[in-house]
Amino acid sequence: GANSAGQAALYLAANGCPVHLVVRGSDLGARMSSYLVDRLA
């Protein structure tokens, strides 16, 4: 649920991989930068 996970999900998706991002918490923005949260959405 932190930046490294968000960056990885975006990178893999941009290269053709369907991605399931599994986050234990309810608030994605608690540990992740807002620009990454917006791009994931």
ModelCIF file with pLDDT and N, C-alpha, C, O atoms, coordinates in Angstrom:
data_MODEL
#
_entry.id   MODEL 
#
_entity.id                         1 
_entity.type                       polymer 
_entity.pdbx_number_of_molecules   1 
#
_entity_poly.entity_id                      1 
_entity_poly.type                           'polypeptide(L)' 
_entity_poly.nstd_linkage                   no 
_entity_poly.nstd_monomer                   no 
_entity_poly.pdbx_seq_one_letter_code       GANSAGQAALYLAANGCPVHLVVRGSDLGARMSSYLVDRLA 
_entity_poly.pdbx_seq_one_letter_code_can   GANSAGQAALYLAANGCPVHLVVRGSDLGARMSSYLVDRLA 
_entity_poly.pdbx_strand_id                 A 
#
loop_
_entity_poly_seq.entity_id 
_entity_poly_seq.num 
_entity_poly_seq.mon_id 
_entity_poly_seq.hetero 
1 1  GLY n 
1 2  ALA n 
1 3  ASN n 
1 4  SER n 
1 5  ALA n 
1 6  GLY n 
1 7  GLN n 
1 8  ALA n 
1 9  ALA n 
1 10 LEU n 
1 11 TYR n 
1 12 LEU n 
1 13 ALA n 
1 14 ALA n 
1 15 ASN n 
1 16 GLY n 
1 17 CYS n 
1 18 PRO n 
1 19 VAL n 
1 20 HIS n 
1 21 LEU n 
1 22 VAL n 
1 23 VAL n 
1 24 ARG n 
1 25 GLY n 
1 26 SER n 
1 27 ASP n 
1 28 LEU n 
1 29 GLY n 
1 30 ALA n 
1 31 ARG n 
1 32 MET n 
1 33 SER n 
1 34 SER n 
1 35 TYR n 
1 36 LEU n 
1 37 VAL n 
1 38 ASP n 
1 39 ARG n 
1 40 LEU n 
1 41 ALA n 
#
_struct_asym.id          A 
_struct_asym.entity_id   1 
#
loop_
_ma_qa_metric.id 
_ma_qa_metric.mode 
_ma_qa_metric.name 
_ma_qa_metric.software_group_id 
_ma_qa_metric.type 
1 global pLDDT . pLDDT 
2 local  pLDDT . pLDDT 
#
_ma_qa_metric_global.metric_id      1 
_ma_qa_metric_global.metric_value   93.90 
_ma_qa_metric_global.model_id       1 
_ma_qa_metric_global.ordinal_id     1 
#
loop_
_ma_qa_metric_local.label_asym_id 
_ma_qa_metric_local.label_comp_id 
_ma_qa_metric_local.label_seq_id 
_ma_qa_metric_local.metric_id 
_ma_qa_metric_local.metric_value 
_ma_qa_metric_local.model_id 
_ma_qa_metric_local.ordinal_id 
A GLY 1  2 93.00 1 1  
A ALA 2  2 91.00 1 2  
A ASN 3  2 91.00 1 3  
A SER 4  2 88.00 1 4  
A ALA 5  2 93.00 1 5  
A GLY 6  2 95.00 1 6  
A GLN 7  2 93.00 1 7  
A ALA 8  2 93.00 1 8  
A ALA 9  2 96.00 1 9  
A LEU 10 2 96.00 1 10 
A TYR 11 2 94.00 1 11 
A LEU 12 2 96.00 1 12 
A ALA 13 2 96.00 1 13 
A ALA 14 2 95.00 1 14 
A ASN 15 2 95.00 1 15 
A GLY 16 2 95.00 1 16 
A CYS 17 2 96.00 1 17 
A PRO 18 2 97.00 1 18 
A VAL 19 2 97.00 1 19 
A HIS 20 2 97.00 1 20 
A LEU 21 2 97.00 1 21 
A VAL 22 2 97.00 1 22 
A VAL 23 2 96.00 1 23 
A ARG 24 2 93.00 1 24 
A GLY 25 2 92.00 1 25 
A SER 26 2 92.00 1 26 
A ASP 27 2 92.00 1 27 
A LEU 28 2 92.00 1 28 
A GLY 29 2 91.00 1 29 
A ALA 30 2 92.00 1 30 
A ARG 31 2 90.00 1 31 
A MET 32 2 93.00 1 32 
A SER 33 2 91.00 1 33 
A SER 34 2 93.00 1 34 
A TYR 35 2 93.00 1 35 
A LEU 36 2 94.00 1 36 
A VAL 37 2 95.00 1 37 
A ASP 38 2 95.00 1 38 
A ARG 39 2 95.00 1 39 
A LEU 40 2 96.00 1 40 
A ALA 41 2 94.00 1 41 
#
loop_
_atom_site.group_PDB 
_atom_site.id 
_atom_site.type_symbol 
_atom_site.label_atom_id 
_atom_site.label_alt_id 
_atom_site.label_comp_id 
_atom_site.label_asym_id 
_atom_site.label_entity_id 
_atom_site.label_seq_id 
_atom_site.pdbx_PDB_ins_code 
_atom_site.Cartn_x 
_atom_site.Cartn_y 
_atom_site.Cartn_z 
_atom_site.occupancy 
_atom_site.B_iso_or_equiv 
_atom_site.pdbx_formal_charge 
_atom_site.auth_seq_id 
_atom_site.auth_comp_id 
_atom_site.auth_asym_id 
_atom_site.auth_atom_id 
_atom_site.pdbx_PDB_model_num 
ATOM 1   N N  . GLY A 1 1  ? 0.783  -1.222 0.000   1.00 93.00 ? 1  GLY A N  1 
ATOM 2   C CA . GLY A 1 1  ? 0.000  0.000  0.000   1.00 93.00 ? 1  GLY A CA 1 
ATOM 3   C C  . GLY A 1 1  ? 0.815  1.272  0.000   1.00 93.00 ? 1  GLY A C  1 
ATOM 4   O O  . GLY A 1 1  ? 0.263  2.344  0.244   1.00 93.00 ? 1  GLY A O  1 
ATOM 5   N N  . ALA A 1 2  ? 2.122  1.195  -0.266  1.00 91.00 ? 2  ALA A N  1 
ATOM 6   C CA . ALA A 1 2  ? 2.965  2.391  -0.294  1.00 91.00 ? 2  ALA A CA 1 
ATOM 7   C C  . ALA A 1 2  ? 3.379  2.716  -1.731  1.00 91.00 ? 2  ALA A C  1 
ATOM 8   O O  . ALA A 1 2  ? 2.927  2.073  -2.678  1.00 91.00 ? 2  ALA A O  1 
ATOM 9   N N  . ASN A 1 3  ? 4.235  3.711  -1.876  1.00 91.00 ? 3  ASN A N  1 
ATOM 10  C CA . ASN A 1 3  ? 4.591  4.198  -3.214  1.00 91.00 ? 3  ASN A CA 1 
ATOM 11  C C  . ASN A 1 3  ? 5.168  3.127  -4.123  1.00 91.00 ? 3  ASN A C  1 
ATOM 12  O O  . ASN A 1 3  ? 4.843  3.071  -5.309  1.00 91.00 ? 3  ASN A O  1 
ATOM 13  N N  . SER A 1 4  ? 6.035  2.266  -3.564  1.00 88.00 ? 4  SER A N  1 
ATOM 14  C CA . SER A 1 4  ? 6.681  1.262  -4.413  1.00 88.00 ? 4  SER A CA 1 
ATOM 15  C C  . SER A 1 4  ? 5.656  0.337  -5.047  1.00 88.00 ? 4  SER A C  1 
ATOM 16  O O  . SER A 1 4  ? 5.817  -0.067 -6.198  1.00 88.00 ? 4  SER A O  1 
ATOM 17  N N  . ALA A 1 5  ? 4.605  -0.003 -4.314  1.00 93.00 ? 5  ALA A N  1 
ATOM 18  C CA . ALA A 1 5  ? 3.560  -0.869 -4.864  1.00 93.00 ? 5  ALA A CA 1 
ATOM 19  C C  . ALA A 1 5  ? 2.783  -0.141 -5.950  1.00 93.00 ? 5  ALA A C  1 
ATOM 20  O O  . ALA A 1 5  ? 2.490  -0.721 -6.996  1.00 93.00 ? 5  ALA A O  1 
ATOM 21  N N  . GLY A 1 6  ? 2.446  1.121  -5.713  1.00 95.00 ? 6  GLY A N  1 
ATOM 22  C CA . GLY A 1 6  ? 1.725  1.892  -6.712  1.00 95.00 ? 6  GLY A CA 1 
ATOM 23  C C  . GLY A 1 6  ? 2.527  2.084  -7.981  1.00 95.00 ? 6  GLY A C  1 
ATOM 24  O O  . GLY A 1 6  ? 1.986  1.973  -9.081  1.00 95.00 ? 6  GLY A O  1 
ATOM 25  N N  . GLN A 1 7  ? 3.808  2.371  -7.842  1.00 93.00 ? 7  GLN A N  1 
ATOM 26  C CA . GLN A 1 7  ? 4.679  2.537  -9.005  1.00 93.00 ? 7  GLN A CA 1 
ATOM 27  C C  . GLN A 1 7  ? 4.788  1.238  -9.793  1.00 93.00 ? 7  GLN A C  1 
ATOM 28  O O  . GLN A 1 7  ? 4.768  1.247  -11.024 1.00 93.00 ? 7  GLN A O  1 
ATOM 29  N N  . ALA A 1 8  ? 4.902  0.123  -9.079  1.00 93.00 ? 8  ALA A N  1 
ATOM 30  C CA . ALA A 1 8  ? 4.999  -1.173 -9.749  1.00 93.00 ? 8  ALA A CA 1 
ATOM 31  C C  . ALA A 1 8  ? 3.719  -1.496 -10.511 1.00 93.00 ? 8  ALA A C  1 
ATOM 32  O O  . ALA A 1 8  ? 3.781  -1.965 -11.647 1.00 93.00 ? 8  ALA A O  1 
ATOM 33  N N  . ALA A 1 9  ? 2.563  -1.252 -9.902  1.00 96.00 ? 9  ALA A N  1 
ATOM 34  C CA . ALA A 1 9  ? 1.291  -1.541 -10.559 1.00 96.00 ? 9  ALA A CA 1 
ATOM 35  C C  . ALA A 1 9  ? 1.147  -0.739 -11.841 1.00 96.00 ? 9  ALA A C  1 
ATOM 36  O O  . ALA A 1 9  ? 0.739  -1.283 -12.867 1.00 96.00 ? 9  ALA A O  1 
ATOM 37  N N  . LEU A 1 10 ? 1.473  0.544  -11.799 1.00 96.00 ? 10 LEU A N  1 
ATOM 38  C CA . LEU A 1 10 ? 1.374  1.388  -12.992 1.00 96.00 ? 10 LEU A CA 1 
ATOM 39  C C  . LEU A 1 10 ? 2.350  0.946  -14.082 1.00 96.00 ? 10 LEU A C  1 
ATOM 40  O O  . LEU A 1 10 ? 2.003  0.932  -15.263 1.00 96.00 ? 10 LEU A O  1 
ATOM 41  N N  . TYR A 1 11 ? 3.554  0.590  -13.689 1.00 94.00 ? 11 TYR A N  1 
ATOM 42  C CA . TYR A 1 11 ? 4.566  0.156  -14.652 1.00 94.00 ? 11 TYR A CA 1 
ATOM 43  C C  . TYR A 1 11 ? 4.144  -1.137 -15.342 1.00 94.00 ? 11 TYR A C  1 
ATOM 44  O O  . TYR A 1 11 ? 4.241  -1.252 -16.564 1.00 94.00 ? 11 TYR A O  1 
ATOM 45  N N  . LEU A 1 12 ? 3.680  -2.098 -14.569 1.00 96.00 ? 12 LEU A N  1 
ATOM 46  C CA . LEU A 1 12 ? 3.270  -3.379 -15.148 1.00 96.00 ? 12 LEU A CA 1 
ATOM 47  C C  . LEU A 1 12 ? 2.057  -3.209 -16.053 1.00 96.00 ? 12 LEU A C  1 
ATOM 48  O O  . LEU A 1 12 ? 1.993  -3.811 -17.125 1.00 96.00 ? 12 LEU A O  1 
ATOM 49  N N  . ALA A 1 13 ? 1.096  -2.394 -15.629 1.00 96.00 ? 13 ALA A N  1 
ATOM 50  C CA . ALA A 1 13 ? -0.090 -2.160 -16.445 1.00 96.00 ? 13 ALA A CA 1 
ATOM 51  C C  . ALA A 1 13 ? 0.267  -1.464 -17.752 1.00 96.00 ? 13 ALA A C  1 
ATOM 52  O O  . ALA A 1 13 ? -0.276 -1.796 -18.805 1.00 96.00 ? 13 ALA A O  1 
ATOM 53  N N  . ALA A 1 14 ? 1.177  -0.502 -17.684 1.00 95.00 ? 14 ALA A N  1 
ATOM 54  C CA . ALA A 1 14 ? 1.591  0.226  -18.887 1.00 95.00 ? 14 ALA A CA 1 
ATOM 55  C C  . ALA A 1 14 ? 2.284  -0.676 -19.889 1.00 95.00 ? 14 ALA A C  1 
ATOM 56  O O  . ALA A 1 14 ? 2.369  -0.345 -21.072 1.00 95.00 ? 14 ALA A O  1 
ATOM 57  N N  . ASN A 1 15 ? 2.778  -1.809 -19.426 1.00 95.00 ? 15 ASN A N  1 
ATOM 58  C CA . ASN A 1 15 ? 3.466  -2.747 -20.317 1.00 95.00 ? 15 ASN A CA 1 
ATOM 59  C C  . ASN A 1 15 ? 2.616  -3.984 -20.616 1.00 95.00 ? 15 ASN A C  1 
ATOM 60  O O  . ASN A 1 15 ? 3.142  -5.049 -20.938 1.00 95.00 ? 15 ASN A O  1 
ATOM 61  N N  . GLY A 1 16 ? 1.319  -3.828 -20.505 1.00 95.00 ? 16 GLY A N  1 
ATOM 62  C CA . GLY A 1 16 ? 0.405  -4.852 -20.993 1.00 95.00 ? 16 GLY A CA 1 
ATOM 63  C C  . GLY A 1 16 ? -0.070 -5.882 -20.000 1.00 95.00 ? 16 GLY A C  1 
ATOM 64  O O  . GLY A 1 16 ? -0.739 -6.837 -20.392 1.00 95.00 ? 16 GLY A O  1 
ATOM 65  N N  . CYS A 1 17 ? 0.250  -5.728 -18.724 1.00 96.00 ? 17 CYS A N  1 
ATOM 66  C CA . CYS A 1 17 ? -0.165 -6.721 -17.725 1.00 96.00 ? 17 CYS A CA 1 
ATOM 67  C C  . CYS A 1 17 ? -1.438 -6.274 -17.004 1.00 96.00 ? 17 CYS A C  1 
ATOM 68  O O  . CYS A 1 17 ? -1.448 -5.195 -16.412 1.00 96.00 ? 17 CYS A O  1 
ATOM 69  N N  . PRO A 1 18 ? -2.512 -7.068 -17.035 1.00 97.00 ? 18 PRO A N  1 
ATOM 70  C CA . PRO A 1 18 ? -3.644 -6.793 -16.156 1.00 97.00 ? 18 PRO A CA 1 
ATOM 71  C C  . PRO A 1 18 ? -3.185 -6.960 -14.706 1.00 97.00 ? 18 PRO A C  1 
ATOM 72  O O  . PRO A 1 18 ? -2.526 -7.945 -14.373 1.00 97.00 ? 18 PRO A O  1 
ATOM 73  N N  . VAL A 1 19 ? -3.534 -5.989 -13.838 1.00 97.00 ? 19 VAL A N  1 
ATOM 74  C CA . VAL A 1 19 ? -2.971 -5.953 -12.495 1.00 97.00 ? 19 VAL A CA 1 
ATOM 75  C C  . VAL A 1 19 ? -4.070 -5.992 -11.432 1.00 97.00 ? 19 VAL A C  1 
ATOM 76  O O  . VAL A 1 19 ? -5.057 -5.261 -11.512 1.00 97.00 ? 19 VAL A O  1 
ATOM 77  N N  . HIS A 1 20 ? -3.876 -6.865 -10.431 1.00 97.00 ? 20 HIS A N  1 
ATOM 78  C CA . HIS A 1 20 ? -4.661 -6.849 -9.208  1.00 97.00 ? 20 HIS A CA 1 
ATOM 79  C C  . HIS A 1 20 ? -3.767 -6.257 -8.127  1.00 97.00 ? 20 HIS A C  1 
ATOM 80  O O  . HIS A 1 20 ? -2.738 -6.838 -7.784  1.00 97.00 ? 20 HIS A O  1 
ATOM 81  N N  . LEU A 1 21 ? -4.159 -5.091 -7.584  1.00 97.00 ? 21 LEU A N  1 
ATOM 82  C CA . LEU A 1 21 ? -3.401 -4.462 -6.505  1.00 97.00 ? 21 LEU A CA 1 
ATOM 83  C C  . LEU A 1 21 ? -4.099 -4.773 -5.186  1.00 97.00 ? 21 LEU A C  1 
ATOM 84  O O  . LEU A 1 21 ? -5.235 -4.352 -4.966  1.00 97.00 ? 21 LEU A O  1 
ATOM 85  N N  . VAL A 1 22 ? -3.420 -5.510 -4.309  1.00 97.00 ? 22 VAL A N  1 
ATOM 86  C CA . VAL A 1 22 ? -3.994 -5.956 -3.045  1.00 97.00 ? 22 VAL A CA 1 
ATOM 87  C C  . VAL A 1 22 ? -3.447 -5.084 -1.916  1.00 97.00 ? 22 VAL A C  1 
ATOM 88  O O  . VAL A 1 22 ? -2.244 -5.047 -1.661  1.00 97.00 ? 22 VAL A O  1 
ATOM 89  N N  . VAL A 1 23 ? -4.378 -4.374 -1.239  1.00 96.00 ? 23 VAL A N  1 
ATOM 90  C CA . VAL A 1 23 ? -4.006 -3.448 -0.173  1.00 96.00 ? 23 VAL A CA 1 
ATOM 91  C C  . VAL A 1 23 ? -4.723 -3.866 1.104   1.00 96.00 ? 23 VAL A C  1 
ATOM 92  O O  . VAL A 1 23 ? -5.940 -4.054 1.103   1.00 96.00 ? 23 VAL A O  1 
ATOM 93  N N  . ARG A 1 24 ? -3.979 -4.009 2.182   1.00 93.00 ? 24 ARG A N  1 
ATOM 94  C CA . ARG A 1 24 ? -4.576 -4.459 3.433   1.00 93.00 ? 24 ARG A CA 1 
ATOM 95  C C  . ARG A 1 24 ? -5.481 -3.395 4.061   1.00 93.00 ? 24 ARG A C  1 
ATOM 96  O O  . ARG A 1 24 ? -6.498 -3.737 4.665   1.00 93.00 ? 24 ARG A O  1 
ATOM 97  N N  . GLY A 1 25 ? -5.131 -2.122 3.930   1.00 92.00 ? 25 GLY A N  1 
ATOM 98  C CA . GLY A 1 25 ? -5.907 -1.048 4.536   1.00 92.00 ? 25 GLY A CA 1 
ATOM 99  C C  . GLY A 1 25 ? -7.065 -0.593 3.678   1.00 92.00 ? 25 GLY A C  1 
ATOM 100 O O  . GLY A 1 25 ? -7.234 -1.036 2.542   1.00 92.00 ? 25 GLY A O  1 
ATOM 101 N N  . SER A 1 26 ? -7.865 0.306  4.246   1.00 92.00 ? 26 SER A N  1 
ATOM 102 C CA . SER A 1 26 ? -9.032 0.820  3.522   1.00 92.00 ? 26 SER A CA 1 
ATOM 103 C C  . SER A 1 26 ? -8.728 2.106  2.773   1.00 92.00 ? 26 SER A C  1 
ATOM 104 O O  . SER A 1 26 ? -9.400 2.420  1.790   1.00 92.00 ? 26 SER A O  1 
ATOM 105 N N  . ASP A 1 27 ? -7.720 2.860  3.224   1.00 92.00 ? 27 ASP A N  1 
ATOM 106 C CA . ASP A 1 27 ? -7.399 4.152  2.626   1.00 92.00 ? 27 ASP A CA 1 
ATOM 107 C C  . ASP A 1 27 ? -6.088 4.038  1.845   1.00 92.00 ? 27 ASP A C  1 
ATOM 108 O O  . ASP A 1 27 ? -5.007 3.940  2.427   1.00 92.00 ? 27 ASP A O  1 
ATOM 109 N N  . LEU A 1 28 ? -6.207 4.052  0.522   1.00 92.00 ? 28 LEU A N  1 
ATOM 110 C CA . LEU A 1 28 ? -5.018 3.912  -0.318  1.00 92.00 ? 28 LEU A CA 1 
ATOM 111 C C  . LEU A 1 28 ? -4.066 5.093  -0.136  1.00 92.00 ? 28 LEU A C  1 
ATOM 112 O O  . LEU A 1 28 ? -2.854 4.952  -0.303  1.00 92.00 ? 28 LEU A O  1 
ATOM 113 N N  . GLY A 1 29 ? -4.618 6.252  0.206   1.00 91.00 ? 29 GLY A N  1 
ATOM 114 C CA . GLY A 1 29 ? -3.790 7.437  0.358   1.00 91.00 ? 29 GLY A CA 1 
ATOM 115 C C  . GLY A 1 29 ? -3.096 7.557  1.697   1.00 91.00 ? 29 GLY A C  1 
ATOM 116 O O  . GLY A 1 29 ? -2.377 8.528  1.929   1.00 91.00 ? 29 GLY A O  1 
ATOM 117 N N  . ALA A 1 30 ? -3.292 6.599  2.582   1.00 92.00 ? 30 ALA A N  1 
ATOM 118 C CA . ALA A 1 30 ? -2.672 6.682  3.909   1.00 92.00 ? 30 ALA A CA 1 
ATOM 119 C C  . ALA A 1 30 ? -1.157 6.617  3.829   1.00 92.00 ? 30 ALA A C  1 
ATOM 120 O O  . ALA A 1 30 ? -0.474 7.310  4.583   1.00 92.00 ? 30 ALA A O  1 
ATOM 121 N N  . ARG A 1 31 ? -0.613 5.799  2.931   1.00 90.00 ? 31 ARG A N  1 
ATOM 122 C CA . ARG A 1 31 ? 0.845  5.633  2.818   1.00 90.00 ? 31 ARG A CA 1 
ATOM 123 C C  . ARG A 1 31 ? 1.362  5.872  1.410   1.00 90.00 ? 31 ARG A C  1 
ATOM 124 O O  . ARG A 1 31 ? 2.557  5.722  1.156   1.00 90.00 ? 31 ARG A O  1 
ATOM 125 N N  . MET A 1 32 ? 0.473  6.244  0.487   1.00 93.00 ? 32 MET A N  1 
ATOM 126 C CA . MET A 1 32 ? 0.860  6.407  -0.912  1.00 93.00 ? 32 MET A CA 1 
ATOM 127 C C  . MET A 1 32 ? 0.651  7.855  -1.347  1.00 93.00 ? 32 MET A C  1 
ATOM 128 O O  . MET A 1 32 ? -0.333 8.485  -0.960  1.00 93.00 ? 32 MET A O  1 
ATOM 129 N N  . SER A 1 33 ? 1.571  8.383  -2.149  1.00 91.00 ? 33 SER A N  1 
ATOM 130 C CA . SER A 1 33 ? 1.462  9.753  -2.643  1.00 91.00 ? 33 SER A CA 1 
ATOM 131 C C  . SER A 1 33 ? 0.189  9.929  -3.455  1.00 91.00 ? 33 SER A C  1 
ATOM 132 O O  . SER A 1 33 ? -0.238 9.012  -4.156  1.00 91.00 ? 33 SER A O  1 
ATOM 133 N N  . SER A 1 34 ? -0.417 11.105 -3.360  1.00 93.00 ? 34 SER A N  1 
ATOM 134 C CA . SER A 1 34 ? -1.717 11.341 -3.993  1.00 93.00 ? 34 SER A CA 1 
ATOM 135 C C  . SER A 1 34 ? -1.660 11.215 -5.509  1.00 93.00 ? 34 SER A C  1 
ATOM 136 O O  . SER A 1 34 ? -2.636 10.786 -6.125  1.00 93.00 ? 34 SER A O  1 
ATOM 137 N N  . TYR A 1 35 ? -0.520 11.585 -6.131  1.00 93.00 ? 35 TYR A N  1 
ATOM 138 C CA . TYR A 1 35 ? -0.454 11.486 -7.591  1.00 93.00 ? 35 TYR A CA 1 
ATOM 139 C C  . TYR A 1 35 ? -0.539 10.025 -8.040  1.00 93.00 ? 35 TYR A C  1 
ATOM 140 O O  . TYR A 1 35 ? -1.081 9.732  -9.106  1.00 93.00 ? 35 TYR A O  1 
ATOM 141 N N  . LEU A 1 36 ? -0.011 9.122  -7.237  1.00 94.00 ? 36 LEU A N  1 
ATOM 142 C CA . LEU A 1 36 ? -0.103 7.702  -7.573  1.00 94.00 ? 36 LEU A CA 1 
ATOM 143 C C  . LEU A 1 36 ? -1.524 7.184  -7.343  1.00 94.00 ? 36 LEU A C  1 
ATOM 144 O O  . LEU A 1 36 ? -2.039 6.406  -8.146  1.00 94.00 ? 36 LEU A O  1 
ATOM 145 N N  . VAL A 1 37 ? -2.151 7.610  -6.261  1.00 95.00 ? 37 VAL A N  1 
ATOM 146 C CA . VAL A 1 37 ? -3.530 7.191  -5.992  1.00 95.00 ? 37 VAL A CA 1 
ATOM 147 C C  . VAL A 1 37 ? -4.438 7.605  -7.141  1.00 95.00 ? 37 VAL A C  1 
ATOM 148 O O  . VAL A 1 37 ? -5.281 6.824  -7.583  1.00 95.00 ? 37 VAL A O  1 
ATOM 149 N N  . ASP A 1 38 ? -4.269 8.835  -7.627  1.00 95.00 ? 38 ASP A N  1 
ATOM 150 C CA . ASP A 1 38 ? -5.099 9.320  -8.736  1.00 95.00 ? 38 ASP A CA 1 
ATOM 151 C C  . ASP A 1 38 ? -4.868 8.510  -10.002 1.00 95.00 ? 38 ASP A C  1 
ATOM 152 O O  . ASP A 1 38 ? -5.825 8.176  -10.701 1.00 95.00 ? 38 ASP A O  1 
ATOM 153 N N  . ARG A 1 39 ? -3.635 8.193  -10.303 1.00 95.00 ? 39 ARG A N  1 
ATOM 154 C CA . ARG A 1 39 ? -3.334 7.440  -11.531 1.00 95.00 ? 39 ARG A CA 1 
ATOM 155 C C  . ARG A 1 39 ? -3.874 6.010  -11.443 1.00 95.00 ? 39 ARG A C  1 
ATOM 156 O O  . ARG A 1 39 ? -4.366 5.464  -12.430 1.00 95.00 ? 39 ARG A O  1 
ATOM 157 N N  . LEU A 1 40 ? -3.780 5.422  -10.281 1.00 96.00 ? 40 LEU A N  1 
ATOM 158 C CA . LEU A 1 40 ? -4.324 4.068  -10.119 1.00 96.00 ? 40 LEU A CA 1 
ATOM 159 C C  . LEU A 1 40 ? -5.826 4.052  -10.340 1.00 96.00 ? 40 LEU A C  1 
ATOM 160 O O  . LEU A 1 40 ? -6.363 3.130  -10.955 1.00 96.00 ? 40 LEU A O  1 
ATOM 161 N N  . ALA A 1 41 ? -6.505 5.081  -9.835  1.00 94.00 ? 41 ALA A N  1 
ATOM 162 C CA . ALA A 1 41 ? -7.960 5.145  -9.992  1.00 94.00 ? 41 ALA A CA 1 
ATOM 163 C C  . ALA A 1 41 ? -8.359 5.331  -11.446 1.00 94.00 ? 41 ALA A C  1 
ATOM 164 O O  . ALA A 1 41 ? -9.549 5.405  -11.755 1.00 94.00 ? 41 ALA A O  1 
#
